[in-house]
Amino acid sequence: MLTKRERTRLSILDTAAALASEQGLESLSIGGLAAKTGMSKSGLFSHFGSREELQLATVDHAANIFAREVVVPGRSAPRGMARIWALLDGFLDYIERGVFAGGCFFATTSIEFKDRPGPVRDRIGEHVTQWRSYIEHAVEQAQELGELDPEADPRRIGFELNAFVQSAKSQHAFFGDDRAFVDARAAVRDRLESLRAKERLTV
């Protein structure tokens, strides 16, 4: 069971992650977040000793939310094509449901910190890279099971499949086009189908 202090910290980070998804991590400050949460600056400072510590904690908190909403359910699917589909479909569903007010937390912060070397940029990169590794590993497993062309490059296939999802995310964010999710799912299914050795995709 979480302590009162731990619950308070999580509540602060929920607010911080939601705010950063809309306005970026640079919008976060001890004073500003104190006002948003109704806490005193000293009270909030006791949880995060610096602005950078707050930003790093917010990135990790957003990653935990993403894992809960997308990664854990996706990786619970059977190994092979079904798991690849579950991960990508889960990501699309996560965007559609608006888990974060600003859309995808990591899309916002990746752009924000792409030219800002340092611990925060590195931490964002670690989580983005980890997501890509889940897709690549799922592709490798599908190859091991004989469901997917063994000659296919897992890194490249992972890149292509993730690109469909990222494109839908951008299309929806900029144009508010819900059809982008339908198109992305169709593109993922078509690409997986083209890589299947013999049997048709049944997910």
N, C-alpha and C. Protein backbone atom coordinates (compact mmCIF):
# COMPACT_ATOMS: atom_id res chain seq x y z
N MET A 1 0.84 -1.20 0.00
CA MET A 1 0.00 0.00 0.00
C MET A 1 0.88 1.25 0.00
N LEU A 2 0.50 2.20 -0.80
CA LEU A 2 1.28 3.43 -0.91
C LEU A 2 1.10 4.31 0.33
N THR A 3 2.16 4.97 0.70
CA THR A 3 2.09 5.93 1.79
C THR A 3 1.43 7.21 1.29
N LYS A 4 1.04 8.09 2.21
CA LYS A 4 0.43 9.36 1.83
C LYS A 4 1.40 10.16 0.97
N ARG A 5 2.67 10.13 1.33
CA ARG A 5 3.68 10.88 0.58
C ARG A 5 3.80 10.34 -0.85
N GLU A 6 3.77 9.01 -0.99
CA GLU A 6 3.86 8.40 -2.31
C GLU A 6 2.64 8.73 -3.15
N ARG A 7 1.47 8.73 -2.54
CA ARG A 7 0.24 9.09 -3.27
C ARG A 7 0.29 10.55 -3.72
N THR A 8 0.81 11.39 -2.85
CA THR A 8 0.92 12.82 -3.20
C THR A 8 1.88 13.00 -4.38
N ARG A 9 2.99 12.30 -4.34
CA ARG A 9 3.97 12.39 -5.43
C ARG A 9 3.35 11.95 -6.75
N LEU A 10 2.61 10.85 -6.72
CA LEU A 10 1.98 10.36 -7.95
C LEU A 10 0.95 11.36 -8.47
N SER A 11 0.23 11.98 -7.58
CA SER A 11 -0.76 12.98 -7.98
C SER A 11 -0.08 14.17 -8.65
N ILE A 12 1.04 14.58 -8.08
CA ILE A 12 1.81 15.69 -8.67
C ILE A 12 2.27 15.31 -10.06
N LEU A 13 2.77 14.09 -10.20
CA LEU A 13 3.30 13.64 -11.49
C LEU A 13 2.20 13.46 -12.52
N ASP A 14 1.01 13.06 -12.09
CA ASP A 14 -0.12 12.99 -13.02
C ASP A 14 -0.39 14.37 -13.63
N THR A 15 -0.40 15.37 -12.77
CA THR A 15 -0.63 16.74 -13.22
C THR A 15 0.50 17.21 -14.13
N ALA A 16 1.74 16.91 -13.73
CA ALA A 16 2.91 17.33 -14.51
C ALA A 16 2.92 16.69 -15.90
N ALA A 17 2.61 15.39 -15.97
CA ALA A 17 2.63 14.69 -17.24
C ALA A 17 1.54 15.21 -18.18
N ALA A 18 0.35 15.46 -17.63
CA ALA A 18 -0.74 16.00 -18.44
C ALA A 18 -0.37 17.38 -18.99
N LEU A 19 0.21 18.20 -18.14
CA LEU A 19 0.61 19.55 -18.56
C LEU A 19 1.72 19.49 -19.61
N ALA A 20 2.70 18.63 -19.39
CA ALA A 20 3.83 18.52 -20.32
C ALA A 20 3.39 17.97 -21.67
N SER A 21 2.37 17.12 -21.69
CA SER A 21 1.89 16.57 -22.96
C SER A 21 1.31 17.66 -23.85
N GLU A 22 0.85 18.74 -23.24
CA GLU A 22 0.27 19.87 -23.99
C GLU A 22 1.28 20.99 -24.23
N GLN A 23 2.08 21.30 -23.21
CA GLN A 23 2.93 22.49 -23.27
C GLN A 23 4.43 22.19 -23.22
N GLY A 24 4.77 20.92 -23.05
CA GLY A 24 6.18 20.55 -23.01
C GLY A 24 6.75 20.54 -21.60
N LEU A 25 7.88 19.88 -21.45
CA LEU A 25 8.51 19.77 -20.14
C LEU A 25 9.07 21.10 -19.65
N GLU A 26 9.41 21.97 -20.59
CA GLU A 26 9.96 23.27 -20.20
C GLU A 26 8.90 24.14 -19.53
N SER A 27 7.64 23.77 -19.68
CA SER A 27 6.57 24.54 -19.04
C SER A 27 6.50 24.23 -17.54
N LEU A 28 7.16 23.15 -17.13
CA LEU A 28 7.09 22.74 -15.73
C LEU A 28 8.05 23.54 -14.87
N SER A 29 7.56 23.96 -13.74
CA SER A 29 8.39 24.63 -12.75
C SER A 29 7.83 24.31 -11.38
N ILE A 30 8.66 24.39 -10.37
CA ILE A 30 8.20 24.11 -9.01
C ILE A 30 7.05 25.04 -8.64
N GLY A 31 7.23 26.34 -8.93
CA GLY A 31 6.20 27.32 -8.59
C GLY A 31 4.92 27.10 -9.37
N GLY A 32 5.04 26.90 -10.68
CA GLY A 32 3.87 26.72 -11.52
C GLY A 32 3.09 25.47 -11.15
N LEU A 33 3.81 24.38 -10.88
CA LEU A 33 3.14 23.14 -10.53
C LEU A 33 2.52 23.22 -9.13
N ALA A 34 3.16 23.97 -8.25
CA ALA A 34 2.59 24.18 -6.92
C ALA A 34 1.22 24.86 -7.04
N ALA A 35 1.14 25.85 -7.93
CA ALA A 35 -0.12 26.55 -8.14
C ALA A 35 -1.18 25.62 -8.73
N LYS A 36 -0.77 24.77 -9.65
CA LYS A 36 -1.70 23.85 -10.30
C LYS A 36 -2.25 22.81 -9.33
N THR A 37 -1.40 22.36 -8.41
CA THR A 37 -1.79 21.29 -7.48
C THR A 37 -2.33 21.80 -6.16
N GLY A 38 -2.20 23.11 -5.93
CA GLY A 38 -2.66 23.67 -4.67
C GLY A 38 -1.70 23.43 -3.51
N MET A 39 -0.47 23.02 -3.84
CA MET A 39 0.53 22.79 -2.81
C MET A 39 1.41 24.02 -2.65
N SER A 40 2.13 24.05 -1.55
CA SER A 40 3.11 25.12 -1.35
C SER A 40 4.37 24.77 -2.15
N LYS A 41 5.16 25.79 -2.46
CA LYS A 41 6.41 25.54 -3.18
C LYS A 41 7.33 24.67 -2.35
N SER A 42 7.38 24.91 -1.06
CA SER A 42 8.27 24.12 -0.20
C SER A 42 7.80 22.67 -0.13
N GLY A 43 6.48 22.48 -0.12
CA GLY A 43 5.95 21.12 -0.09
C GLY A 43 6.29 20.36 -1.35
N LEU A 44 6.16 21.02 -2.49
CA LEU A 44 6.47 20.38 -3.76
C LEU A 44 7.98 20.17 -3.90
N PHE A 45 8.75 21.15 -3.40
CA PHE A 45 10.20 21.05 -3.49
C PHE A 45 10.73 19.86 -2.70
N SER A 46 9.99 19.46 -1.66
CA SER A 46 10.43 18.32 -0.85
C SER A 46 10.35 17.02 -1.64
N HIS A 47 9.54 17.00 -2.70
CA HIS A 47 9.42 15.82 -3.55
C HIS A 47 10.43 15.86 -4.70
N PHE A 48 10.74 17.05 -5.17
CA PHE A 48 11.64 17.21 -6.32
C PHE A 48 12.59 18.36 -6.01
N GLY A 49 13.85 18.02 -5.83
CA GLY A 49 14.83 19.02 -5.42
C GLY A 49 15.19 20.04 -6.46
N SER A 50 14.87 19.78 -7.72
CA SER A 50 15.22 20.71 -8.79
C SER A 50 14.26 20.56 -9.94
N ARG A 51 14.28 21.51 -10.84
CA ARG A 51 13.41 21.45 -12.02
C ARG A 51 13.77 20.25 -12.89
N GLU A 52 15.06 19.97 -13.03
CA GLU A 52 15.48 18.83 -13.84
C GLU A 52 15.01 17.52 -13.22
N GLU A 53 15.08 17.42 -11.90
CA GLU A 53 14.61 16.21 -11.22
C GLU A 53 13.11 16.04 -11.46
N LEU A 54 12.37 17.14 -11.44
CA LEU A 54 10.94 17.10 -11.72
C LEU A 54 10.69 16.64 -13.15
N GLN A 55 11.45 17.16 -14.09
CA GLN A 55 11.28 16.77 -15.49
C GLN A 55 11.59 15.29 -15.70
N LEU A 56 12.67 14.80 -15.09
CA LEU A 56 13.05 13.40 -15.24
C LEU A 56 11.98 12.49 -14.62
N ALA A 57 11.48 12.87 -13.47
CA ALA A 57 10.44 12.08 -12.81
C ALA A 57 9.17 12.06 -13.65
N THR A 58 8.88 13.18 -14.30
CA THR A 58 7.69 13.27 -15.14
C THR A 58 7.82 12.36 -16.36
N VAL A 59 9.00 12.34 -16.96
CA VAL A 59 9.25 11.45 -18.11
C VAL A 59 9.06 10.00 -17.70
N ASP A 60 9.62 9.62 -16.57
CA ASP A 60 9.49 8.24 -16.11
C ASP A 60 8.04 7.89 -15.77
N HIS A 61 7.33 8.85 -15.21
CA HIS A 61 5.93 8.62 -14.86
C HIS A 61 5.10 8.42 -16.13
N ALA A 62 5.36 9.24 -17.14
CA ALA A 62 4.64 9.09 -18.41
C ALA A 62 4.95 7.73 -19.04
N ALA A 63 6.19 7.29 -18.91
CA ALA A 63 6.57 5.97 -19.45
C ALA A 63 5.84 4.86 -18.71
N ASN A 64 5.66 5.02 -17.41
CA ASN A 64 4.92 4.01 -16.64
C ASN A 64 3.46 3.96 -17.07
N ILE A 65 2.89 5.12 -17.34
CA ILE A 65 1.50 5.15 -17.82
C ILE A 65 1.40 4.47 -19.18
N PHE A 66 2.35 4.77 -20.06
CA PHE A 66 2.36 4.15 -21.39
C PHE A 66 2.51 2.64 -21.27
N ALA A 67 3.36 2.20 -20.37
CA ALA A 67 3.55 0.77 -20.17
C ALA A 67 2.26 0.11 -19.69
N ARG A 68 1.59 0.76 -18.76
CA ARG A 68 0.33 0.22 -18.23
C ARG A 68 -0.75 0.16 -19.30
N GLU A 69 -0.82 1.19 -20.12
CA GLU A 69 -1.90 1.30 -21.10
C GLU A 69 -1.63 0.54 -22.40
N VAL A 70 -0.36 0.40 -22.77
CA VAL A 70 -0.02 -0.16 -24.09
C VAL A 70 0.88 -1.40 -24.00
N VAL A 71 2.00 -1.26 -23.34
CA VAL A 71 3.02 -2.31 -23.37
C VAL A 71 2.58 -3.58 -22.65
N VAL A 72 2.11 -3.45 -21.43
CA VAL A 72 1.73 -4.64 -20.66
C VAL A 72 0.59 -5.42 -21.33
N PRO A 73 -0.50 -4.74 -21.74
CA PRO A 73 -1.55 -5.49 -22.45
C PRO A 73 -1.05 -6.10 -23.76
N GLY A 74 -0.23 -5.34 -24.48
CA GLY A 74 0.27 -5.83 -25.76
C GLY A 74 1.16 -7.05 -25.62
N ARG A 75 2.04 -7.01 -24.63
CA ARG A 75 2.97 -8.13 -24.44
C ARG A 75 2.30 -9.32 -23.75
N SER A 76 1.06 -9.13 -23.32
CA SER A 76 0.30 -10.24 -22.75
C SER A 76 -0.34 -11.09 -23.84
N ALA A 77 -0.38 -10.57 -25.05
CA ALA A 77 -0.94 -11.33 -26.18
C ALA A 77 0.00 -12.48 -26.53
N PRO A 78 -0.50 -13.52 -27.18
CA PRO A 78 0.36 -14.64 -27.57
C PRO A 78 1.52 -14.19 -28.44
N ARG A 79 2.66 -14.82 -28.27
CA ARG A 79 3.84 -14.49 -29.06
C ARG A 79 3.54 -14.66 -30.54
N GLY A 80 4.18 -13.83 -31.36
CA GLY A 80 4.02 -13.93 -32.80
C GLY A 80 3.28 -12.74 -33.38
N MET A 81 2.61 -12.99 -34.50
CA MET A 81 1.88 -11.92 -35.18
C MET A 81 0.85 -11.26 -34.27
N ALA A 82 0.21 -12.07 -33.43
CA ALA A 82 -0.83 -11.53 -32.55
C ALA A 82 -0.24 -10.49 -31.59
N ARG A 83 0.98 -10.70 -31.13
CA ARG A 83 1.59 -9.74 -30.21
C ARG A 83 2.01 -8.46 -30.95
N ILE A 84 2.51 -8.61 -32.15
CA ILE A 84 2.86 -7.42 -32.94
C ILE A 84 1.62 -6.56 -33.11
N TRP A 85 0.52 -7.19 -33.51
CA TRP A 85 -0.73 -6.47 -33.71
C TRP A 85 -1.21 -5.83 -32.42
N ALA A 86 -1.16 -6.57 -31.32
CA ALA A 86 -1.67 -6.07 -30.05
C ALA A 86 -0.90 -4.83 -29.59
N LEU A 87 0.41 -4.82 -29.79
CA LEU A 87 1.22 -3.66 -29.40
C LEU A 87 0.86 -2.42 -30.22
N LEU A 88 0.77 -2.59 -31.53
CA LEU A 88 0.50 -1.44 -32.40
C LEU A 88 -0.94 -0.97 -32.30
N ASP A 89 -1.86 -1.92 -32.22
CA ASP A 89 -3.27 -1.56 -32.05
C ASP A 89 -3.47 -0.87 -30.70
N GLY A 90 -2.75 -1.34 -29.69
CA GLY A 90 -2.84 -0.74 -28.37
C GLY A 90 -2.34 0.69 -28.36
N PHE A 91 -1.28 0.95 -29.12
CA PHE A 91 -0.74 2.31 -29.21
C PHE A 91 -1.77 3.23 -29.88
N LEU A 92 -2.37 2.76 -30.96
CA LEU A 92 -3.39 3.56 -31.64
C LEU A 92 -4.58 3.83 -30.72
N ASP A 93 -4.98 2.82 -29.99
CA ASP A 93 -6.10 2.98 -29.06
C ASP A 93 -5.76 3.98 -27.96
N TYR A 94 -4.53 3.95 -27.51
CA TYR A 94 -4.05 4.88 -26.47
C TYR A 94 -4.16 6.33 -26.94
N ILE A 95 -3.84 6.58 -28.22
CA ILE A 95 -3.97 7.93 -28.78
C ILE A 95 -5.44 8.29 -28.94
N GLU A 96 -6.22 7.35 -29.44
CA GLU A 96 -7.65 7.60 -29.66
C GLU A 96 -8.37 7.94 -28.36
N ARG A 97 -8.00 7.29 -27.29
CA ARG A 97 -8.67 7.51 -26.00
C ARG A 97 -8.22 8.79 -25.31
N GLY A 98 -7.17 9.40 -25.82
CA GLY A 98 -6.69 10.64 -25.22
C GLY A 98 -6.20 10.46 -23.79
N VAL A 99 -5.37 9.44 -23.58
CA VAL A 99 -4.84 9.18 -22.25
C VAL A 99 -4.15 10.42 -21.69
N PHE A 100 -3.41 11.12 -22.56
CA PHE A 100 -2.82 12.41 -22.19
C PHE A 100 -3.57 13.51 -22.92
N ALA A 101 -3.81 14.60 -22.23
CA ALA A 101 -4.59 15.70 -22.79
C ALA A 101 -3.99 16.22 -24.09
N GLY A 102 -2.66 16.21 -24.19
CA GLY A 102 -2.00 16.75 -25.36
C GLY A 102 -1.69 15.72 -26.43
N GLY A 103 -2.25 14.52 -26.29
CA GLY A 103 -1.94 13.46 -27.26
C GLY A 103 -0.86 12.55 -26.74
N CYS A 104 0.19 12.37 -27.52
CA CYS A 104 1.28 11.49 -27.11
C CYS A 104 2.35 12.30 -26.37
N PHE A 105 2.55 11.98 -25.12
CA PHE A 105 3.55 12.67 -24.30
C PHE A 105 4.92 12.64 -24.96
N PHE A 106 5.32 11.48 -25.47
CA PHE A 106 6.68 11.34 -26.01
C PHE A 106 6.84 11.99 -27.37
N ALA A 107 5.75 12.17 -28.10
CA ALA A 107 5.84 12.92 -29.36
C ALA A 107 6.14 14.38 -29.05
N THR A 108 5.44 14.92 -28.08
CA THR A 108 5.63 16.32 -27.69
C THR A 108 7.03 16.56 -27.15
N THR A 109 7.45 15.73 -26.22
CA THR A 109 8.74 15.97 -25.56
C THR A 109 9.94 15.61 -26.43
N SER A 110 9.76 14.65 -27.33
CA SER A 110 10.87 14.29 -28.24
C SER A 110 11.22 15.47 -29.15
N ILE A 111 10.19 16.11 -29.67
CA ILE A 111 10.41 17.28 -30.52
C ILE A 111 11.00 18.43 -29.71
N GLU A 112 10.48 18.60 -28.52
CA GLU A 112 10.94 19.69 -27.66
C GLU A 112 12.43 19.58 -27.31
N PHE A 113 12.90 18.36 -27.08
CA PHE A 113 14.28 18.17 -26.60
C PHE A 113 15.24 17.61 -27.66
N LYS A 114 14.81 17.56 -28.91
CA LYS A 114 15.67 16.96 -29.93
C LYS A 114 17.01 17.67 -30.08
N ASP A 115 17.06 18.96 -29.82
CA ASP A 115 18.30 19.73 -29.95
C ASP A 115 18.82 20.21 -28.59
N ARG A 116 18.43 19.50 -27.55
CA ARG A 116 18.85 19.90 -26.19
C ARG A 116 19.54 18.74 -25.50
N PRO A 117 20.82 18.54 -25.74
CA PRO A 117 21.54 17.44 -25.09
C PRO A 117 21.48 17.55 -23.58
N GLY A 118 21.45 16.39 -22.94
CA GLY A 118 21.44 16.40 -21.48
C GLY A 118 20.64 15.23 -20.94
N PRO A 119 20.54 15.13 -19.62
CA PRO A 119 19.86 13.99 -18.98
C PRO A 119 18.40 13.81 -19.39
N VAL A 120 17.67 14.91 -19.56
CA VAL A 120 16.25 14.79 -19.91
C VAL A 120 16.08 14.22 -21.32
N ARG A 121 16.85 14.75 -22.24
CA ARG A 121 16.81 14.24 -23.62
C ARG A 121 17.20 12.77 -23.64
N ASP A 122 18.22 12.41 -22.89
CA ASP A 122 18.67 11.02 -22.85
C ASP A 122 17.59 10.10 -22.30
N ARG A 123 16.91 10.56 -21.26
CA ARG A 123 15.86 9.73 -20.65
C ARG A 123 14.69 9.53 -21.61
N ILE A 124 14.31 10.58 -22.31
CA ILE A 124 13.24 10.46 -23.32
C ILE A 124 13.66 9.45 -24.38
N GLY A 125 14.91 9.57 -24.84
CA GLY A 125 15.42 8.66 -25.86
C GLY A 125 15.41 7.21 -25.41
N GLU A 126 15.72 6.98 -24.15
CA GLU A 126 15.74 5.62 -23.62
C GLU A 126 14.36 4.98 -23.71
N HIS A 127 13.34 5.73 -23.35
CA HIS A 127 11.98 5.18 -23.37
C HIS A 127 11.47 4.97 -24.80
N VAL A 128 11.80 5.90 -25.70
CA VAL A 128 11.39 5.75 -27.09
C VAL A 128 12.08 4.53 -27.71
N THR A 129 13.36 4.37 -27.43
CA THR A 129 14.12 3.24 -27.94
C THR A 129 13.58 1.92 -27.40
N GLN A 130 13.19 1.93 -26.14
CA GLN A 130 12.63 0.72 -25.53
C GLN A 130 11.35 0.30 -26.24
N TRP A 131 10.49 1.26 -26.57
CA TRP A 131 9.26 0.95 -27.30
C TRP A 131 9.59 0.28 -28.64
N ARG A 132 10.53 0.84 -29.37
CA ARG A 132 10.90 0.26 -30.65
C ARG A 132 11.44 -1.16 -30.47
N SER A 133 12.16 -1.38 -29.39
CA SER A 133 12.73 -2.71 -29.15
C SER A 133 11.63 -3.75 -28.92
N TYR A 134 10.51 -3.34 -28.32
CA TYR A 134 9.40 -4.26 -28.11
C TYR A 134 8.85 -4.74 -29.44
N ILE A 135 8.71 -3.82 -30.38
CA ILE A 135 8.20 -4.19 -31.71
C ILE A 135 9.18 -5.12 -32.42
N GLU A 136 10.45 -4.75 -32.40
CA GLU A 136 11.47 -5.57 -33.07
C GLU A 136 11.52 -6.98 -32.47
N HIS A 137 11.44 -7.06 -31.15
CA HIS A 137 11.49 -8.37 -30.49
C HIS A 137 10.26 -9.20 -30.85
N ALA A 138 9.11 -8.55 -30.95
CA ALA A 138 7.89 -9.27 -31.33
C ALA A 138 8.01 -9.80 -32.76
N VAL A 139 8.65 -9.02 -33.63
CA VAL A 139 8.89 -9.47 -35.00
C VAL A 139 9.81 -10.69 -35.00
N GLU A 140 10.87 -10.64 -34.22
CA GLU A 140 11.80 -11.77 -34.12
C GLU A 140 11.11 -13.02 -33.62
N GLN A 141 10.22 -12.86 -32.65
CA GLN A 141 9.48 -14.01 -32.13
C GLN A 141 8.57 -14.61 -33.19
N ALA A 142 7.94 -13.74 -33.97
CA ALA A 142 7.07 -14.22 -35.05
C ALA A 142 7.88 -15.00 -36.08
N GLN A 143 9.10 -14.56 -36.32
CA GLN A 143 9.98 -15.30 -37.24
C GLN A 143 10.34 -16.65 -36.66
N GLU A 144 10.66 -16.69 -35.38
CA GLU A 144 11.02 -17.94 -34.73
C GLU A 144 9.87 -18.95 -34.76
N LEU A 145 8.64 -18.45 -34.72
CA LEU A 145 7.46 -19.31 -34.75
C LEU A 145 7.08 -19.72 -36.17
N GLY A 146 7.78 -19.17 -37.15
CA GLY A 146 7.48 -19.51 -38.54
C GLY A 146 6.28 -18.77 -39.10
N GLU A 147 5.84 -17.72 -38.41
CA GLU A 147 4.68 -16.95 -38.87
C GLU A 147 5.08 -15.83 -39.83
N LEU A 148 6.32 -15.43 -39.77
CA LEU A 148 6.76 -14.28 -40.54
C LEU A 148 8.03 -14.64 -41.32
N ASP A 149 8.17 -14.09 -42.49
CA ASP A 149 9.31 -14.33 -43.38
C ASP A 149 10.63 -14.23 -42.59
N PRO A 150 11.38 -15.32 -42.51
CA PRO A 150 12.63 -15.32 -41.75
C PRO A 150 13.71 -14.43 -42.36
N GLU A 151 13.53 -14.05 -43.61
CA GLU A 151 14.53 -13.20 -44.28
C GLU A 151 14.29 -11.71 -44.01
N ALA A 152 13.15 -11.39 -43.44
CA ALA A 152 12.83 -9.99 -43.17
C ALA A 152 13.73 -9.45 -42.06
N ASP A 153 14.08 -8.18 -42.16
CA ASP A 153 14.93 -7.52 -41.16
C ASP A 153 14.04 -6.98 -40.04
N PRO A 154 14.14 -7.52 -38.83
CA PRO A 154 13.28 -7.07 -37.72
C PRO A 154 13.37 -5.57 -37.46
N ARG A 155 14.57 -5.01 -37.57
CA ARG A 155 14.72 -3.57 -37.32
C ARG A 155 13.95 -2.77 -38.35
N ARG A 156 14.07 -3.16 -39.61
CA ARG A 156 13.38 -2.43 -40.67
C ARG A 156 11.87 -2.60 -40.58
N ILE A 157 11.43 -3.82 -40.32
CA ILE A 157 9.99 -4.07 -40.21
C ILE A 157 9.43 -3.30 -39.02
N GLY A 158 10.16 -3.31 -37.92
CA GLY A 158 9.72 -2.54 -36.76
C GLY A 158 9.61 -1.06 -37.08
N PHE A 159 10.58 -0.56 -37.83
CA PHE A 159 10.56 0.84 -38.24
C PHE A 159 9.33 1.15 -39.09
N GLU A 160 9.04 0.28 -40.05
CA GLU A 160 7.90 0.50 -40.94
C GLU A 160 6.58 0.48 -40.17
N LEU A 161 6.42 -0.52 -39.32
CA LEU A 161 5.17 -0.66 -38.59
C LEU A 161 4.96 0.52 -37.63
N ASN A 162 6.01 0.91 -36.96
CA ASN A 162 5.93 2.05 -36.05
C ASN A 162 5.63 3.34 -36.81
N ALA A 163 6.15 3.43 -38.03
CA ALA A 163 5.93 4.63 -38.85
C ALA A 163 4.44 4.79 -39.18
N PHE A 164 3.74 3.69 -39.40
CA PHE A 164 2.30 3.78 -39.67
C PHE A 164 1.58 4.41 -38.47
N VAL A 165 1.96 3.96 -37.29
CA VAL A 165 1.33 4.46 -36.07
C VAL A 165 1.67 5.94 -35.86
N GLN A 166 2.94 6.27 -36.05
CA GLN A 166 3.37 7.66 -35.85
C GLN A 166 2.70 8.60 -36.85
N SER A 167 2.53 8.13 -38.07
CA SER A 167 1.87 8.94 -39.09
C SER A 167 0.42 9.21 -38.71
N ALA A 168 -0.28 8.19 -38.21
CA ALA A 168 -1.67 8.37 -37.79
C ALA A 168 -1.75 9.36 -36.64
N LYS A 169 -0.80 9.24 -35.74
CA LYS A 169 -0.78 10.14 -34.57
C LYS A 169 -0.62 11.59 -35.02
N SER A 170 0.29 11.83 -35.96
CA SER A 170 0.52 13.19 -36.46
C SER A 170 -0.67 13.71 -37.24
N GLN A 171 -1.24 12.85 -38.08
CA GLN A 171 -2.41 13.24 -38.89
C GLN A 171 -3.58 13.62 -38.00
N HIS A 172 -3.78 12.85 -36.95
CA HIS A 172 -4.89 13.14 -36.05
C HIS A 172 -4.62 14.41 -35.25
N ALA A 173 -3.38 14.57 -34.78
CA ALA A 173 -3.06 15.74 -33.96
C ALA A 173 -3.19 17.03 -34.76
N PHE A 174 -2.77 17.01 -36.00
CA PHE A 174 -2.76 18.25 -36.80
C PHE A 174 -4.10 18.54 -37.45
N PHE A 175 -4.74 17.48 -37.98
CA PHE A 175 -5.98 17.68 -38.73
C PHE A 175 -7.24 17.20 -37.99
N GLY A 176 -7.05 16.51 -36.87
CA GLY A 176 -8.21 15.96 -36.17
C GLY A 176 -8.91 14.88 -36.97
N ASP A 177 -8.14 14.18 -37.80
CA ASP A 177 -8.69 13.19 -38.72
C ASP A 177 -8.72 11.80 -38.08
N ASP A 178 -9.90 11.36 -37.65
CA ASP A 178 -10.03 10.04 -37.03
C ASP A 178 -9.82 8.91 -38.03
N ARG A 179 -9.96 9.19 -39.32
CA ARG A 179 -9.75 8.15 -40.33
C ARG A 179 -8.31 7.68 -40.35
N ALA A 180 -7.42 8.51 -39.81
CA ALA A 180 -6.00 8.14 -39.79
C ALA A 180 -5.79 6.85 -39.01
N PHE A 181 -6.59 6.62 -37.99
CA PHE A 181 -6.44 5.40 -37.19
C PHE A 181 -6.91 4.17 -37.98
N VAL A 182 -7.97 4.34 -38.74
CA VAL A 182 -8.46 3.26 -39.60
C VAL A 182 -7.40 2.93 -40.65
N ASP A 183 -6.85 3.97 -41.26
CA ASP A 183 -5.82 3.78 -42.29
C ASP A 183 -4.58 3.11 -41.72
N ALA A 184 -4.19 3.52 -40.51
CA ALA A 184 -2.99 2.94 -39.90
C ALA A 184 -3.19 1.46 -39.60
N ARG A 185 -4.34 1.12 -39.07
CA ARG A 185 -4.60 -0.29 -38.78
C ARG A 185 -4.61 -1.12 -40.06
N ALA A 186 -5.19 -0.57 -41.12
CA ALA A 186 -5.21 -1.28 -42.40
C ALA A 186 -3.79 -1.44 -42.93
N ALA A 187 -2.97 -0.41 -42.79
CA ALA A 187 -1.60 -0.46 -43.28
C ALA A 187 -0.79 -1.50 -42.51
N VAL A 188 -0.99 -1.56 -41.19
CA VAL A 188 -0.28 -2.55 -40.37
C VAL A 188 -0.69 -3.96 -40.79
N ARG A 189 -1.99 -4.18 -40.94
CA ARG A 189 -2.46 -5.52 -41.33
C ARG A 189 -1.93 -5.91 -42.70
N ASP A 190 -1.97 -4.98 -43.65
CA ASP A 190 -1.48 -5.28 -45.00
C ASP A 190 0.01 -5.62 -44.99
N ARG A 191 0.78 -4.86 -44.19
CA ARG A 191 2.22 -5.13 -44.15
C ARG A 191 2.51 -6.47 -43.50
N LEU A 192 1.81 -6.78 -42.44
CA LEU A 192 2.00 -8.08 -41.79
C LEU A 192 1.57 -9.21 -42.73
N GLU A 193 0.48 -9.00 -43.43
CA GLU A 193 0.00 -10.01 -44.37
C GLU A 193 1.04 -10.27 -45.47
N SER A 194 1.68 -9.20 -45.93
CA SER A 194 2.67 -9.35 -47.00
C SER A 194 3.91 -10.10 -46.53
N LEU A 195 4.12 -10.13 -45.22
CA LEU A 195 5.29 -10.81 -44.66
C LEU A 195 4.99 -12.23 -44.21
N ARG A 196 3.70 -12.58 -44.17
CA ARG A 196 3.35 -13.92 -43.72
C ARG A 196 3.77 -14.94 -44.78
N ALA A 197 4.34 -16.03 -44.31
CA ALA A 197 4.84 -17.05 -45.21
C ALA A 197 3.71 -17.77 -45.95
N LYS A 198 2.73 -18.28 -45.20
CA LYS A 198 1.69 -19.08 -45.86
C LYS A 198 0.29 -18.73 -45.37
N GLU A 199 0.04 -18.90 -44.05
CA GLU A 199 -1.31 -18.72 -43.54
C GLU A 199 -1.70 -17.25 -43.49
N ARG A 200 -2.99 -17.01 -43.53
CA ARG A 200 -3.49 -15.65 -43.46
C ARG A 200 -3.49 -15.17 -42.01
N LEU A 201 -3.37 -13.86 -41.83
CA LEU A 201 -3.39 -13.24 -40.51
C LEU A 201 -4.80 -13.35 -39.93
N THR A 202 -4.92 -13.77 -38.68
CA THR A 202 -6.23 -14.00 -38.09
C THR A 202 -6.53 -13.07 -36.93
N VAL A 203 -5.62 -12.14 -36.62
CA VAL A 203 -5.88 -11.23 -35.48
C VAL A 203 -6.94 -10.21 -35.87
